[in-house]
Amino acid sequence: MQASIIFSSNDVIINSGVIVAGLLVNWLNSGYPDLIIGAIVFIIVARGAYRILQLAK
């Protein structure tokens, strides 16, 4: 159950980040917001995966 909560909360955060990145890329005409938010998404996914794996112990 806890893994589902972690996954779902990360999913909401990541989807919001994707929307914000799309808006910023369009507004600024730059690819940098996409790269920055992509790196943040990677960190969130890795952290979530680590937390889920820790639940299995």
C-alpha atoms as a PDB file:
ATOM      1  CA  MET A   1       0.000   0.000   0.000  1.00  0.00           C
ATOM      2  CA  GLN A   2       2.804   2.405   0.864  1.00  0.00           C
ATOM      3  CA  ALA A   3       4.521   1.737  -2.468  1.00  0.00           C
ATOM      4  CA  SER A   4       1.303   2.692  -4.251  1.00  0.00           C
ATOM      5  CA  ILE A   5       1.146   5.976  -2.330  1.00  0.00           C
ATOM      6  CA  ILE A   6       4.785   6.766  -3.161  1.00  0.00           C
ATOM      7  CA  PHE A   7       4.253   5.943  -6.830  1.00  0.00           C
ATOM      8  CA  SER A   8       1.029   7.951  -7.081  1.00  0.00           C
ATOM      9  CA  SER A   9       2.405  11.044  -5.367  1.00  0.00           C
ATOM     10  CA  ASN A  10       5.516  10.967  -7.557  1.00  0.00           C
ATOM     11  CA  ASP A  11       3.325  10.583 -10.626  1.00  0.00           C
ATOM     12  CA  VAL A  12       1.339  13.720  -9.752  1.00  0.00           C
ATOM     13  CA  ILE A  13       4.530  15.716  -9.148  1.00  0.00           C
ATOM     14  CA  ILE A  14       6.142  14.494 -12.374  1.00  0.00           C
ATOM     15  CA  ASN A  15       3.066  15.179 -14.509  1.00  0.00           C
ATOM     16  CA  SER A  16       2.862  18.699 -13.078  1.00  0.00           C
ATOM     17  CA  GLY A  17       6.541  19.185 -13.884  1.00  0.00           C
ATOM     18  CA  VAL A  18       6.014  18.065 -17.464  1.00  0.00           C
ATOM     19  CA  ILE A  19       3.199  20.586 -17.901  1.00  0.00           C
ATOM     20  CA  VAL A  20       5.287  23.394 -16.372  1.00  0.00           C
ATOM     21  CA  ALA A  21       8.264  22.448 -18.564  1.00  0.00           C
ATOM     22  CA  GLY A  22       6.091  22.547 -21.676  1.00  0.00           C
ATOM     23  CA  LEU A  23       4.747  25.965 -20.777  1.00  0.00           C
ATOM     24  CA  LEU A  24       8.203  27.345 -20.011  1.00  0.00           C
ATOM     25  CA  VAL A  25       9.700  25.935 -23.223  1.00  0.00           C
ATOM     26  CA  ASN A  26       6.914  27.563 -25.214  1.00  0.00           C
ATOM     27  CA  TRP A  27       7.117  30.867 -23.310  1.00  0.00           C
ATOM     28  CA  LEU A  28      10.926  31.174 -23.292  1.00  0.00           C
ATOM     29  CA  ASN A  29      11.613  29.516 -26.678  1.00  0.00           C
ATOM     30  CA  SER A  30      14.364  27.533 -24.995  1.00  0.00           C
ATOM     31  CA  GLY A  31      14.991  23.875 -24.312  1.00  0.00           C
ATOM     32  CA  TYR A  32      16.647  24.523 -20.957  1.00  0.00           C
ATOM     33  CA  PRO A  33      13.475  24.286 -18.839  1.00  0.00           C
ATOM     34  CA  ASP A  34      12.865  20.830 -20.299  1.00  0.00           C
ATOM     35  CA  LEU A  35      16.400  19.715 -19.425  1.00  0.00           C
ATOM     36  CA  ILE A  36      16.219  21.117 -15.897  1.00  0.00           C
ATOM     37  CA  ILE A  37      12.819  19.625 -15.108  1.00  0.00           C
ATOM     38  CA  GLY A  38      13.894  16.363 -16.766  1.00  0.00           C
ATOM     39  CA  ALA A  39      16.828  16.169 -14.348  1.00  0.00           C
ATOM     40  CA  ILE A  40      14.510  16.886 -11.415  1.00  0.00           C
ATOM     41  CA  VAL A  41      12.138  14.156 -12.636  1.00  0.00           C
ATOM     42  CA  PHE A  42      15.061  11.711 -12.773  1.00  0.00           C
ATOM     43  CA  ILE A  43      15.938  12.504  -9.155  1.00  0.00           C
ATOM     44  CA  ILE A  44      12.323  12.085  -8.040  1.00  0.00           C
ATOM     45  CA  VAL A  45      11.999   8.738  -9.837  1.00  0.00           C
ATOM     46  CA  ALA A  46      15.301   7.453  -8.437  1.00  0.00           C
ATOM     47  CA  ARG A  47      14.388   8.554  -4.914  1.00  0.00           C
ATOM     48  CA  GLY A  48      10.952   6.949  -5.202  1.00  0.00           C
ATOM     49  CA  ALA A  49      12.430   3.710  -6.497  1.00  0.00           C
ATOM     50  CA  TYR A  50      14.888   3.654  -3.597  1.00  0.00           C
ATOM     51  CA  ARG A  51      12.094   4.244  -1.077  1.00  0.00           C
ATOM     52  CA  ILE A  52       9.975   1.475  -2.610  1.00  0.00           C
ATOM     53  CA  LEU A  53      12.910  -0.949  -2.582  1.00  0.00           C
ATOM     54  CA  GLN A  54      13.514  -0.118   1.088  1.00  0.00           C
ATOM     55  CA  LEU A  55       9.946  -1.217   1.859  1.00  0.00           C
ATOM     56  CA  ALA A  56      10.806  -4.736   0.691  1.00  0.00           C
ATOM     57  CA  LYS A  57      13.382  -5.222   3.444  1.00  0.00           C
END
